[in-house]
C-alpha atoms as a PDB file:
ATOM      1  CA  MET A   1      -5.883  -3.994  -5.503  1.00  0.00           C
ATOM      2  CA  LEU A   2      -6.840  -1.993  -2.729  1.00  0.00           C
ATOM      3  CA  ASN A   3      -8.485  -3.536   0.417  1.00  0.00           C
ATOM      4  CA  ARG A   4     -10.873  -2.224   2.592  1.00  0.00           C
ATOM      5  CA  ARG A   5      -8.542  -2.264   5.369  1.00  0.00           C
ATOM      6  CA  ILE A   6      -6.356   0.372   3.255  1.00  0.00           C
ATOM      7  CA  LEU A   7      -9.130   2.185   2.525  1.00  0.00           C
ATOM      8  CA  ARG A   8     -10.407   2.462   5.971  1.00  0.00           C
ATOM      9  CA  ILE A   9      -6.651   4.284   6.480  1.00  0.00           C
ATOM     10  CA  LYS A  10      -6.609   6.356   3.490  1.00  0.00           C
ATOM     11  CA  ALA A  11     -10.424   7.860   4.809  1.00  0.00           C
ATOM     12  CA  PHE A  12      -9.314   8.283   8.374  1.00  0.00           C
ATOM     13  CA  LYS A  13      -5.875  10.584   6.734  1.00  0.00           C
ATOM     14  CA  VAL A  14      -8.376  12.355   4.640  1.00  0.00           C
ATOM     15  CA  LEU A  15     -10.527  12.901   7.816  1.00  0.00           C
ATOM     16  CA  TYR A  16      -7.547  13.893  10.096  1.00  0.00           C
ATOM     17  CA  SER A  17      -6.338  16.547   7.456  1.00  0.00           C
ATOM     18  CA  TYR A  18      -9.749  18.449   7.605  1.00  0.00           C
ATOM     19  CA  ALA A  19     -10.249  17.873  11.693  1.00  0.00           C
ATOM     20  CA  GLU A  20      -6.942  19.861  11.574  1.00  0.00           C
ATOM     21  CA  ASN A  21      -8.264  22.284   8.889  1.00  0.00           C
ATOM     22  CA  ARG A  22     -11.993  22.919   8.895  1.00  0.00           C
ATOM     23  CA  GLU A  23     -12.235  24.828   5.954  1.00  0.00           C
ATOM     24  CA  MET A  24     -11.407  21.866   3.510  1.00  0.00           C
ATOM     25  CA  THR A  25     -14.643  21.057   1.793  1.00  0.00           C
ATOM     26  CA  LEU A  26     -16.223  17.851   0.909  1.00  0.00           C
ATOM     27  CA  LYS A  27     -15.071  17.939  -2.437  1.00  0.00           C
ATOM     28  CA  GLU A  28     -12.006  18.583  -1.794  1.00  0.00           C
ATOM     29  CA  ALA A  29     -11.608  15.806   0.810  1.00  0.00           C
ATOM     30  CA  LEU A  30     -12.691  13.369  -1.787  1.00  0.00           C
ATOM     31  CA  SER A  31     -10.007  14.604  -4.546  1.00  0.00           C
ATOM     32  CA  ALA A  32      -7.577  13.803  -1.691  1.00  0.00           C
ATOM     33  CA  LEU A  33      -8.573  10.612  -1.002  1.00  0.00           C
ATOM     34  CA  ASP A  34      -8.851   9.239  -4.959  1.00  0.00           C
ATOM     35  CA  ALA A  35      -5.182  11.167  -5.804  1.00  0.00           C
ATOM     36  CA  SER A  36      -4.638   8.917  -1.819  1.00  0.00           C
ATOM     37  CA  CYS A  37      -6.388   6.153  -3.866  1.00  0.00           C
ATOM     38  CA  GLU A  38      -3.857   6.747  -7.166  1.00  0.00           C
ATOM     39  CA  ALA A  39      -0.813   7.001  -5.775  1.00  0.00           C
ATOM     40  CA  THR A  40      -1.166   3.442  -3.964  1.00  0.00           C
ATOM     41  CA  ARG A  41      -1.412   1.963  -7.797  1.00  0.00           C
ATOM     42  CA  ASP A  42       1.593   4.697  -8.622  1.00  0.00           C
ATOM     43  CA  LEU A  43       3.910   3.477  -6.126  1.00  0.00           C
ATOM     44  CA  TYR A  44       3.669  -0.340  -6.521  1.00  0.00           C
ATOM     45  CA  LEU A  45       4.046   1.004 -10.500  1.00  0.00           C
ATOM     46  CA  PHE A  46       7.310   2.488  -9.178  1.00  0.00           C
ATOM     47  CA  MET A  47       8.788  -0.006  -8.087  1.00  0.00           C
ATOM     48  CA  LEU A  48       7.738  -2.727 -10.470  1.00  0.00           C
ATOM     49  CA  SER A  49       9.808  -0.643 -12.560  1.00  0.00           C
ATOM     50  CA  VAL A  50      12.729  -1.095 -10.890  1.00  0.00           C
ATOM     51  CA  ILE A  51      13.080  -4.413 -12.090  1.00  0.00           C
ATOM     52  CA  PRO A  52      14.748  -3.145 -15.984  1.00  0.00           C
ATOM     53  CA  PRO A  53      17.145  -0.932 -14.516  1.00  0.00           C
ATOM     54  CA  LEU A  54      19.041  -3.475 -11.257  1.00  0.00           C
ATOM     55  CA  THR A  55      19.311  -5.887 -14.411  1.00  0.00           C
ATOM     56  CA  ALA A  56      21.039  -3.395 -16.459  1.00  0.00           C
ATOM     57  CA  GLU A  57      23.398  -2.068 -13.282  1.00  0.00           C
ATOM     58  CA  ALA A  58      24.366  -5.946 -12.664  1.00  0.00           C
ATOM     59  CA  ALA A  59      25.214  -5.844 -16.604  1.00  0.00           C
ATOM     60  CA  ARG A  60      27.511  -2.807 -16.184  1.00  0.00           C
ATOM     61  CA  ARG A  61      29.147  -3.947 -13.248  1.00  0.00           C
ATOM     62  CA  VAL A  62      29.867  -6.957 -15.275  1.00  0.00           C
ATOM     63  CA  GLU A  63      30.877  -5.119 -18.788  1.00  0.00           C
ATOM     64  CA  ALA A  64      33.239  -3.141 -16.172  1.00  0.00           C
ATOM     65  CA  ALA A  65      35.146  -5.805 -14.530  1.00  0.00           C
ATOM     66  CA  ARG A  66      35.425  -7.098 -18.084  1.00  0.00           C
ATOM     67  CA  GLY A  67      37.038  -4.119 -19.303  1.00  0.00           C
ATOM     68  CA  LYS A  68      39.593  -4.144 -16.549  1.00  0.00           C
ATOM     69  CA  PHE A  69      43.310  -4.046 -17.282  1.00  0.00           C
ATOM     70  CA  ASN A  70      44.095  -7.620 -15.371  1.00  0.00           C
ATOM     71  CA  PRO A  71      40.583  -9.399 -15.275  1.00  0.00           C
ATOM     72  CA  THR A  72      40.616 -12.924 -13.224  1.00  0.00           C
ATOM     73  CA  GLU A  73      39.134 -15.664 -15.023  1.00  0.00           C
ATOM     74  CA  GLU A  74      35.595 -15.223 -13.522  1.00  0.00           C
ATOM     75  CA  GLU A  75      35.545 -11.778 -14.420  1.00  0.00           C
ATOM     76  CA  LEU A  76      36.240 -12.286 -18.013  1.00  0.00           C
ATOM     77  CA  HIS A  77      33.870 -15.581 -17.620  1.00  0.00           C
ATOM     78  CA  PRO A  78      30.762 -14.526 -15.220  1.00  0.00           C
ATOM     79  CA  ASN A  79      27.926 -15.977 -14.457  1.00  0.00           C
ATOM     80  CA  LEU A  80      25.204 -14.206 -16.432  1.00  0.00           C
ATOM     81  CA  LYS A  81      22.172 -15.429 -15.507  1.00  0.00           C
ATOM     82  CA  PHE A  82      21.225 -12.576 -13.399  1.00  0.00           C
ATOM     83  CA  VAL A  83      22.106 -10.813 -16.296  1.00  0.00           C
ATOM     84  CA  ARG A  84      19.930 -12.671 -18.723  1.00  0.00           C
ATOM     85  CA  ASN A  85      16.787 -12.848 -16.258  1.00  0.00           C
ATOM     86  CA  ALA A  86      13.329 -12.740 -18.309  1.00  0.00           C
ATOM     87  CA  LEU A  87      11.658 -11.153 -16.288  1.00  0.00           C
ATOM     88  CA  ALA A  88      13.539  -7.433 -17.197  1.00  0.00           C
ATOM     89  CA  PRO A  89      13.081  -8.015 -21.267  1.00  0.00           C
ATOM     90  CA  LEU A  90       9.619  -8.898 -20.770  1.00  0.00           C
ATOM     91  CA  LEU A  91       8.482  -5.625 -19.010  1.00  0.00           C
ATOM     92  CA  GLU A  92      10.940  -3.456 -20.687  1.00  0.00           C
ATOM     93  CA  SER A  93       9.251  -4.704 -24.195  1.00  0.00           C
ATOM     94  CA  ASP A  94       5.823  -4.679 -23.125  1.00  0.00           C
ATOM     95  CA  PRO A  95       4.145  -1.757 -24.590  1.00  0.00           C
ATOM     96  CA  ASP A  96       1.102  -1.168 -22.125  1.00  0.00           C
ATOM     97  CA  PHE A  97       4.011  -1.193 -19.091  1.00  0.00           C
ATOM     98  CA  GLN A  98       6.257   1.347 -20.509  1.00  0.00           C
ATOM     99  CA  LYS A  99       3.490   3.637 -22.048  1.00  0.00           C
ATOM    100  CA  ILE A 100       2.119   3.893 -18.736  1.00  0.00           C
ATOM    101  CA  ILE A 101       5.211   4.174 -17.046  1.00  0.00           C
ATOM    102  CA  GLU A 102       6.674   7.071 -19.550  1.00  0.00           C
ATOM    103  CA  ARG A 103       3.063   8.551 -18.686  1.00  0.00           C
ATOM    104  CA  LYS A 104       3.502   9.124 -15.155  1.00  0.00           C
ATOM    105  CA  LYS A 105       7.771  10.144 -16.008  1.00  0.00           C
ATOM    106  CA  PHE A 106       8.824   7.304 -13.785  1.00  0.00           C
ATOM    107  CA  SER A 107      12.577   6.762 -13.370  1.00  0.00           C
ATOM    108  CA  TRP A 108      15.135   5.387 -11.769  1.00  0.00           C
ATOM    109  CA  ASP A 109      17.758   6.529 -13.974  1.00  0.00           C
ATOM    110  CA  GLN A 110      19.326   9.386 -11.168  1.00  0.00           C
ATOM    111  CA  ASN A 111      19.256   6.753  -8.651  1.00  0.00           C
ATOM    112  CA  ASP A 112      22.437   5.365 -10.001  1.00  0.00           C
ATOM    113  CA  ALA A 113      23.789   4.999  -6.139  1.00  0.00           C
ATOM    114  CA  LEU A 114      20.692   3.592  -4.780  1.00  0.00           C
ATOM    115  CA  LEU A 115      20.614   0.838  -7.426  1.00  0.00           C
ATOM    116  CA  HIS A 116      24.351   0.074  -6.552  1.00  0.00           C
ATOM    117  CA  HIS A 117      23.415  -0.061  -3.346  1.00  0.00           C
ATOM    118  CA  LEU A 118      20.562  -2.524  -3.846  1.00  0.00           C
ATOM    119  CA  TYR A 119      22.690  -4.383  -5.951  1.00  0.00           C
ATOM    120  CA  GLU A 120      25.252  -4.882  -3.887  1.00  0.00           C
ATOM    121  CA  SER A 121      22.965  -5.765  -0.956  1.00  0.00           C
ATOM    122  CA  MET A 122      21.190  -8.830  -3.318  1.00  0.00           C
ATOM    123  CA  LYS A 123      24.501 -10.561  -3.987  1.00  0.00           C
ATOM    124  CA  SER A 124      25.075 -10.819  -0.973  1.00  0.00           C
ATOM    125  CA  ARG A 125      22.072 -12.871   0.091  1.00  0.00           C
ATOM    126  CA  PRO A 126      22.099 -16.467   0.077  1.00  0.00           C
ATOM    127  CA  TYR A 127      18.876 -16.485  -1.957  1.00  0.00           C
ATOM    128  CA  TYR A 128      20.827 -14.721  -4.788  1.00  0.00           C
ATOM    129  CA  GLU A 129      24.106 -17.610  -4.286  1.00  0.00           C
ATOM    130  CA  ALA A 130      21.116 -20.171  -4.654  1.00  0.00           C
ATOM    131  CA  TYR A 131      19.573 -18.711  -7.862  1.00  0.00           C
ATOM    132  CA  MET A 132      22.851 -18.317  -9.445  1.00  0.00           C
ATOM    133  CA  ALA A 133      24.310 -21.639  -8.671  1.00  0.00           C
ATOM    134  CA  ASP A 134      21.112 -23.488  -9.752  1.00  0.00           C
ATOM    135  CA  PRO A 135      21.813 -24.422 -13.795  1.00  0.00           C
ATOM    136  CA  GLU A 136      18.071 -24.042 -14.201  1.00  0.00           C
ATOM    137  CA  VAL A 137      17.163 -21.339 -16.500  1.00  0.00           C
ATOM    138  CA  SER A 138      13.420 -20.610 -16.158  1.00  0.00           C
ATOM    139  CA  LEU A 139      11.112 -17.405 -15.589  1.00  0.00           C
ATOM    140  CA  ASP A 140       9.304 -19.616 -12.394  1.00  0.00           C
ATOM    141  CA  GLN A 141      13.209 -19.599 -11.115  1.00  0.00           C
ATOM    142  CA  ASP A 142      13.832 -15.903 -11.878  1.00  0.00           C
ATOM    143  CA  VAL A 143      10.319 -14.947 -10.722  1.00  0.00           C
ATOM    144  CA  ARG A 144      11.259 -16.528  -7.602  1.00  0.00           C
ATOM    145  CA  LEU A 145      14.168 -14.722  -6.844  1.00  0.00           C
ATOM    146  CA  PHE A 146      12.617 -11.364  -7.166  1.00  0.00           C
ATOM    147  CA  LYS A 147       9.943 -12.053  -4.605  1.00  0.00           C
ATOM    148  CA  LYS A 148      12.978 -13.087  -2.700  1.00  0.00           C
ATOM    149  CA  VAL A 149      14.435  -9.020  -3.668  1.00  0.00           C
ATOM    150  CA  PHE A 150      10.823  -7.252  -2.915  1.00  0.00           C
ATOM    151  CA  GLU A 151      10.487  -9.044  -0.027  1.00  0.00           C
ATOM    152  CA  THR A 152      13.771  -8.589   1.837  1.00  0.00           C
ATOM    153  CA  GLU A 153      16.158  -5.430  -0.236  1.00  0.00           C
ATOM    154  CA  PHE A 154      12.774  -2.351  -0.116  1.00  0.00           C
ATOM    155  CA  GLU A 155      11.390  -2.064   3.146  1.00  0.00           C
ATOM    156  CA  ASP A 156      13.777  -0.403   5.996  1.00  0.00           C
ATOM    157  CA  ASN A 157      15.648   0.866   3.505  1.00  0.00           C
ATOM    158  CA  GLU A 158      16.384   4.732   4.667  1.00  0.00           C
ATOM    159  CA  GLU A 159      18.204   5.636   1.036  1.00  0.00           C
ATOM    160  CA  LEU A 160      14.594   4.431  -0.424  1.00  0.00           C
ATOM    161  CA  ALA A 161      12.500   5.768   1.962  1.00  0.00           C
ATOM    162  CA  ALA A 162      13.752   9.454   1.376  1.00  0.00           C
ATOM    163  CA  LEU A 163      13.703   9.035  -2.202  1.00  0.00           C
ATOM    164  CA  LEU A 164       9.923   8.055  -2.008  1.00  0.00           C
ATOM    165  CA  GLU A 165       9.414  10.666   0.073  1.00  0.00           C
ATOM    166  CA  ASP A 166      10.478  13.328  -1.857  1.00  0.00           C
ATOM    167  CA  MET A 167       8.815  11.512  -5.008  1.00  0.00           C
ATOM    168  CA  SER A 168       5.595  11.941  -3.306  1.00  0.00           C
ATOM    169  CA  LEU A 169       3.757  12.413   0.003  1.00  0.00           C
ATOM    170  CA  TYR A 170       1.300  10.358  -0.848  1.00  0.00           C
ATOM    171  CA  TRP A 171       3.632   6.951  -0.592  1.00  0.00           C
ATOM    172  CA  THR A 172       4.135   7.676   3.116  1.00  0.00           C
ATOM    173  CA  ASP A 173       3.306   4.256   4.736  1.00  0.00           C
ATOM    174  CA  ASP A 174       2.282   2.599   1.480  1.00  0.00           C
ATOM    175  CA  LEU A 175       5.615   0.393   0.924  1.00  0.00           C
ATOM    176  CA  ALA A 176       4.887  -2.304   2.553  1.00  0.00           C
ATOM    177  CA  TYR A 177       1.765  -2.595   0.911  1.00  0.00           C
ATOM    178  CA  ALA A 178       2.599  -1.448  -3.011  1.00  0.00           C
ATOM    179  CA  LEU A 179       5.235  -4.421  -2.746  1.00  0.00           C
ATOM    180  CA  SER A 180       2.694  -7.047  -1.803  1.00  0.00           C
ATOM    181  CA  CYS A 181       1.372  -5.596  -5.078  1.00  0.00           C
ATOM    182  CA  ASP A 182       4.417  -6.495  -6.367  1.00  0.00           C
ATOM    183  CA  ILE A 183       4.616  -9.686  -5.754  1.00  0.00           C
ATOM    184  CA  ARG A 184       0.902 -10.789  -6.735  1.00  0.00           C
ATOM    185  CA  SER A 185       1.897  -9.461  -9.732  1.00  0.00           C
ATOM    186  CA  LEU A 186       5.309 -11.167 -10.134  1.00  0.00           C
ATOM    187  CA  GLU A 187       3.235 -14.430  -9.734  1.00  0.00           C
ATOM    188  CA  ASP A 188       0.719 -13.574 -12.233  1.00  0.00           C
ATOM    189  CA  ILE A 189       3.319 -13.065 -14.768  1.00  0.00           C
ATOM    190  CA  ARG A 190       4.843 -16.792 -13.919  1.00  0.00           C
ATOM    191  CA  ARG A 191       1.528 -17.787 -14.335  1.00  0.00           C
ATOM    192  CA  THR A 192       0.574 -16.019 -17.330  1.00  0.00           C
ATOM    193  CA  GLY A 193       4.059 -15.008 -19.190  1.00  0.00           C
ATOM    194  CA  ARG A 194       2.616 -11.503 -19.266  1.00  0.00           C
ATOM    195  CA  TRP A 195       1.852  -8.431 -17.050  1.00  0.00           C
ATOM    196  CA  ASN A 196      -1.318  -6.840 -16.371  1.00  0.00           C
ATOM    197  CA  LEU A 197      -2.280  -3.324 -14.795  1.00  0.00           C
ATOM    198  CA  PRO A 198      -4.533  -4.268 -11.703  1.00  0.00           C
ATOM    199  CA  PRO A 199      -7.474  -2.470 -11.027  1.00  0.00           C
ATOM    200  CA  LEU A 200      -7.423  -0.207  -8.724  1.00  0.00           C
ATOM    201  CA  TYR A 201     -10.232  -1.855  -6.381  1.00  0.00           C
ATOM    202  CA  GLN A 202      -9.884  -5.279  -5.268  1.00  0.00           C
ATOM    203  CA  SER A 203     -13.638  -5.668  -5.723  1.00  0.00           C
ATOM    204  CA  ASP A 204     -13.310  -4.509  -9.412  1.00  0.00           C
ATOM    205  CA  ILE A 205     -11.193  -8.077  -9.132  1.00  0.00           C
ATOM    206  CA  LEU A 206     -13.258 -10.354  -7.565  1.00  0.00           C
ATOM    207  CA  GLN A 207     -16.167  -8.346 -10.283  1.00  0.00           C
ATOM    208  CA  ALA A 208     -13.892  -9.203 -13.070  1.00  0.00           C
ATOM    209  CA  ARG A 209     -13.672 -13.108 -11.540  1.00  0.00           C
ATOM    210  CA  GLY A 210     -17.660 -13.357 -11.923  1.00  0.00           C
ATOM    211  CA  LYS A 211     -18.226 -12.902  -8.261  1.00  0.00           C
ATOM    212  CA  ALA A 212     -20.511 -10.181  -6.223  1.00  0.00           C
ATOM    213  CA  ALA A 213     -18.682  -7.766  -4.873  1.00  0.00           C
ATOM    214  CA  ASP A 214     -20.154  -4.543  -3.130  1.00  0.00           C
ATOM    215  CA  SER A 215     -18.121  -1.559  -4.903  1.00  0.00           C
ATOM    216  CA  ASP A 216     -15.180  -0.947  -2.423  1.00  0.00           C
ATOM    217  CA  ARG A 217     -15.027   2.943  -4.189  1.00  0.00           C
ATOM    218  CA  GLN A 218     -18.047   3.744  -3.252  1.00  0.00           C
ATOM    219  CA  PHE A 219     -17.516   2.297   0.562  1.00  0.00           C
ATOM    220  CA  VAL A 220     -14.481   4.543   0.909  1.00  0.00           C
ATOM    221  CA  THR A 221     -16.713   7.074  -1.139  1.00  0.00           C
ATOM    222  CA  ARG A 222     -19.965   6.983   1.345  1.00  0.00           C
ATOM    223  CA  LEU A 223     -17.813   6.272   4.234  1.00  0.00           C
ATOM    224  CA  LEU A 224     -15.804   9.512   4.189  1.00  0.00           C
ATOM    225  CA  SER A 225     -18.260  11.011   2.891  1.00  0.00           C
ATOM    226  CA  SER A 226     -21.006  10.331   6.076  1.00  0.00           C
ATOM    227  CA  ALA A 227     -17.988  10.793   8.509  1.00  0.00           C
ATOM    228  CA  PHE A 228     -17.003  13.803   7.402  1.00  0.00           C
ATOM    229  CA  ALA A 229     -20.727  14.935   7.233  1.00  0.00           C
ATOM    230  CA  ARG A 230     -21.294  14.599  10.800  1.00  0.00           C
ATOM    231  CA  PHE A 231     -17.707  15.198  12.017  1.00  0.00           C
ATOM    232  CA  ASP A 232     -18.854  17.977  14.899  1.00  0.00           C
ATOM    233  CA  GLU A 233     -21.884  16.014  16.205  1.00  0.00           C
ATOM    234  CA  TYR A 234     -18.983  12.516  16.197  1.00  0.00           C
ATOM    235  CA  ASP A 235     -16.298  14.956  17.819  1.00  0.00           C
ATOM    236  CA  GLU A 236     -19.152  15.687  20.281  1.00  0.00           C
ATOM    237  CA  LYS A 237     -20.371  13.235  21.084  1.00  0.00           C
ATOM    238  CA  VAL A 238     -16.370  11.763  22.247  1.00  0.00           C
ATOM    239  CA  ALA A 239     -15.733  15.188  24.073  1.00  0.00           C
ATOM    240  CA  SER A 240     -18.898  14.977  26.261  1.00  0.00           C
ATOM    241  CA  SER A 241     -18.458  10.545  26.604  1.00  0.00           C
ATOM    242  CA  VAL A 242     -15.093  12.000  28.683  1.00  0.00           C
ATOM    243  CA  THR A 243     -16.279  13.601  31.456  1.00  0.00           C
ATOM    244  CA  LYS A 244     -12.480  12.986  33.279  1.00  0.00           C
ATOM    245  CA  TRP A 245     -10.871  15.047  30.015  1.00  0.00           C
ATOM    246  CA  ASP A 246     -10.611  18.066  28.851  1.00  0.00           C
ATOM    247  CA  ARG A 247     -11.309  17.939  25.011  1.00  0.00           C
ATOM    248  CA  ASP A 248      -7.641  19.529  24.186  1.00  0.00           C
ATOM    249  CA  ARG A 249      -6.783  16.796  25.711  1.00  0.00           C
ATOM    250  CA  LEU A 250      -7.898  14.328  23.944  1.00  0.00           C
ATOM    251  CA  TYR A 251      -6.066  13.001  21.134  1.00  0.00           C
ATOM    252  CA  VAL A 252      -7.401  14.077  17.400  1.00  0.00           C
ATOM    253  CA  THR A 253      -6.011  10.780  15.777  1.00  0.00           C
ATOM    254  CA  ASP A 254      -8.489   8.704  18.399  1.00  0.00           C
ATOM    255  CA  THR A 255     -11.399  11.182  17.822  1.00  0.00           C
ATOM    256  CA  VAL A 256     -11.217  11.115  14.021  1.00  0.00           C
ATOM    257  CA  LEU A 257     -10.793   6.744  14.392  1.00  0.00           C
ATOM    258  CA  ILE A 258     -14.199   6.858  16.289  1.00  0.00           C
ATOM    259  CA  ALA A 259     -15.412   9.184  14.114  1.00  0.00           C
ATOM    260  CA  MET A 260     -14.825   6.824  11.553  1.00  0.00           C
ATOM    261  CA  GLY A 261     -16.431   3.651  13.158  1.00  0.00           C
ATOM    262  CA  LEU A 262     -19.867   5.590  14.009  1.00  0.00           C
ATOM    263  CA  ALA A 263     -20.218   6.294  10.675  1.00  0.00           C
ATOM    264  CA  GLU A 264     -19.311   2.675   9.262  1.00  0.00           C
ATOM    265  CA  ALA A 265     -21.673   1.578  11.484  1.00  0.00           C
ATOM    266  CA  GLU A 266     -24.255   3.520  10.895  1.00  0.00           C
ATOM    267  CA  ASN A 267     -24.360   3.425   7.433  1.00  0.00           C
ATOM    268  CA  PHE A 268     -23.459  -0.169   6.434  1.00  0.00           C
ATOM    269  CA  PRO A 269     -26.279  -2.467   8.098  1.00  0.00           C
ATOM    270  CA  GLU A 270     -24.359  -5.448   5.860  1.00  0.00           C
ATOM    271  CA  ILE A 271     -20.899  -4.850   8.371  1.00  0.00           C
ATOM    272  CA  PRO A 272     -20.814  -5.923  11.509  1.00  0.00           C
ATOM    273  CA  VAL A 273     -20.699  -4.073  14.827  1.00  0.00           C
ATOM    274  CA  ARG A 274     -17.931  -6.018  15.888  1.00  0.00           C
ATOM    275  CA  VAL A 275     -16.254  -6.242  12.561  1.00  0.00           C
ATOM    276  CA  THR A 276     -15.611  -2.093  12.215  1.00  0.00           C
ATOM    277  CA  ILE A 277     -14.739  -2.040  16.014  1.00  0.00           C
ATOM    278  CA  ASN A 278     -11.893  -4.472  15.285  1.00  0.00           C
ATOM    279  CA  GLU A 279     -10.996  -2.302  12.173  1.00  0.00           C
ATOM    280  CA  TYR A 280     -10.510   1.185  14.147  1.00  0.00           C
ATOM    281  CA  VAL A 281      -8.438  -0.543  16.638  1.00  0.00           C
ATOM    282  CA  GLU A 282      -6.310  -2.107  14.235  1.00  0.00           C
ATOM    283  CA  ILE A 283      -5.630   1.084  12.798  1.00  0.00           C
ATOM    284  CA  ALA A 284      -5.393   2.571  15.934  1.00  0.00           C
ATOM    285  CA  LYS A 285      -1.996   0.479  16.860  1.00  0.00           C
ATOM    286  CA  TYR A 286      -0.225   1.591  14.372  1.00  0.00           C
ATOM    287  CA  TYR A 287      -1.878   5.781  13.742  1.00  0.00           C
ATOM    288  CA  SER A 288      -2.068   6.567  17.480  1.00  0.00           C
ATOM    289  CA  THR A 289      -0.657   6.426  20.726  1.00  0.00           C
ATOM    290  CA  PRO A 290      -0.556   2.909  22.742  1.00  0.00           C
ATOM    291  CA  LYS A 291      -2.971   3.914  25.205  1.00  0.00           C
ATOM    292  CA  SER A 292      -4.971   4.368  21.885  1.00  0.00           C
ATOM    293  CA  ARG A 293      -6.318   0.536  21.318  1.00  0.00           C
ATOM    294  CA  SER A 294      -8.088   0.205  24.709  1.00  0.00           C
ATOM    295  CA  PHE A 295      -9.806   3.802  24.189  1.00  0.00           C
ATOM    296  CA  VAL A 296     -11.214   3.551  21.107  1.00  0.00           C
ATOM    297  CA  ASN A 297     -12.284   0.092  21.799  1.00  0.00           C
ATOM    298  CA  GLY A 298     -14.481   1.020  24.699  1.00  0.00           C
ATOM    299  CA  LEU A 299     -15.454   4.059  23.755  1.00  0.00           C
ATOM    300  CA  LEU A 300     -16.194   3.550  20.020  1.00  0.00           C
ATOM    301  CA  ASP A 301     -18.398   0.283  21.151  1.00  0.00           C
ATOM    302  CA  LYS A 302     -20.456   2.771  23.810  1.00  0.00           C
ATOM    303  CA  LEU A 303     -21.231   5.120  21.289  1.00  0.00           C
ATOM    304  CA  ILE A 304     -22.678   2.525  18.842  1.00  0.00           C
ATOM    305  CA  LYS A 305     -24.727   1.097  21.667  1.00  0.00           C
ATOM    306  CA  GLU A 306     -26.237   4.726  22.076  1.00  0.00           C
ATOM    307  CA  SER A 307     -26.341   5.075  18.515  1.00  0.00           C
ATOM    308  CA  GLU A 308     -27.946   1.555  18.041  1.00  0.00           C
ATOM    309  CA  ALA A 309     -31.223   2.908  21.349  1.00  0.00           C
ATOM    310  CA  GLU A 310     -31.438   5.771  19.237  1.00  0.00           C
ATOM    311  CA  GLY A 311     -32.549   4.019  15.650  1.00  0.00           C
ATOM    312  CA  ARG A 312     -29.687   5.329  13.951  1.00  0.00           C
ATOM    313  CA  VAL A 313     -27.758   1.925  13.660  1.00  0.00           C
ATOM    314  CA  SER A 314     -29.257  -1.219  12.163  1.00  0.00           C
ATOM    315  CA  LYS A 315     -28.271  -4.831  11.022  1.00  0.00           C
ATOM    316  CA  SER A 316     -29.198  -6.896   9.157  1.00  0.00           C
ATOM    317  CA  GLY A 317     -27.820  -9.957   7.302  1.00  0.00           C
ATOM    318  CA  ASN A 318     -24.519 -10.654   7.789  1.00  0.00           C
ATOM    319  CA  GLY A 319     -24.501  -7.663   9.659  1.00  0.00           C
ATOM    320  CA  LEU A 320     -25.928  -8.879  12.449  1.00  0.00           C
ATOM    321  CA  ILE A 321     -23.276  -9.487  15.378  1.00  0.00           C
END
């Protein structure tokens, strides 16, 4: 489920917390890392669990319209295609899905207003109108509809963002990734007719398919441990390399990103230097200042070359530039 880009981001966030709070221990840092990784899958589960409540919201609206004092012909004989979609009962009757949702205590029951707004927004979309107008009734069609819902209705939804922030601080910034995992699960359901909990790490998925893949959990644990252990040294390297700047004027995010890049370059001979630099430059685009991209790129390249000269960076095999 989690790829190495998001694992690097999670390790970066934990190391940033350490940079701001030096009382944090390595054990606490690794615990925070594990919690952050699990939280992304929790968010994936919570968002997937919206399908039955959203379907129930539609059913309630249909029944309310039928019970009006003077219902129209359309209200008396509504199009029930969405209400009878195959995905909602599939998830509701799946014992594994229901068990984990209950164990996590995830529920949309207290979010009637949000469900109402989501349903109204979905109803107004051309993709929903096309779905309802098509006479075909199939799991394939239902999956395609909900893929559109997950692609369209949840990102940039301020009401949902406020709910997720209240539920977990770890869910900040993870919604887009969790939704992409939901969409992949919907495709799996379309192919197999059932839901399966995705393994937490992408390497676990590849290994289950018989493909050779190094453990992503070991990767991110070793990455954070290495950067944590030598952070003071890396911090000093950054400060001493920028002679025109006072230490206090350096952005902590940039220092942490460069420390992460140095730790990766020194501890993972199979990863090419250019891949490492590009990864942290990309992260800088989203988590630091507009000028950080070029700063991180230039200084990380310089410091890695110095580490190579000191014999601390040695690439072999696929790690060769």
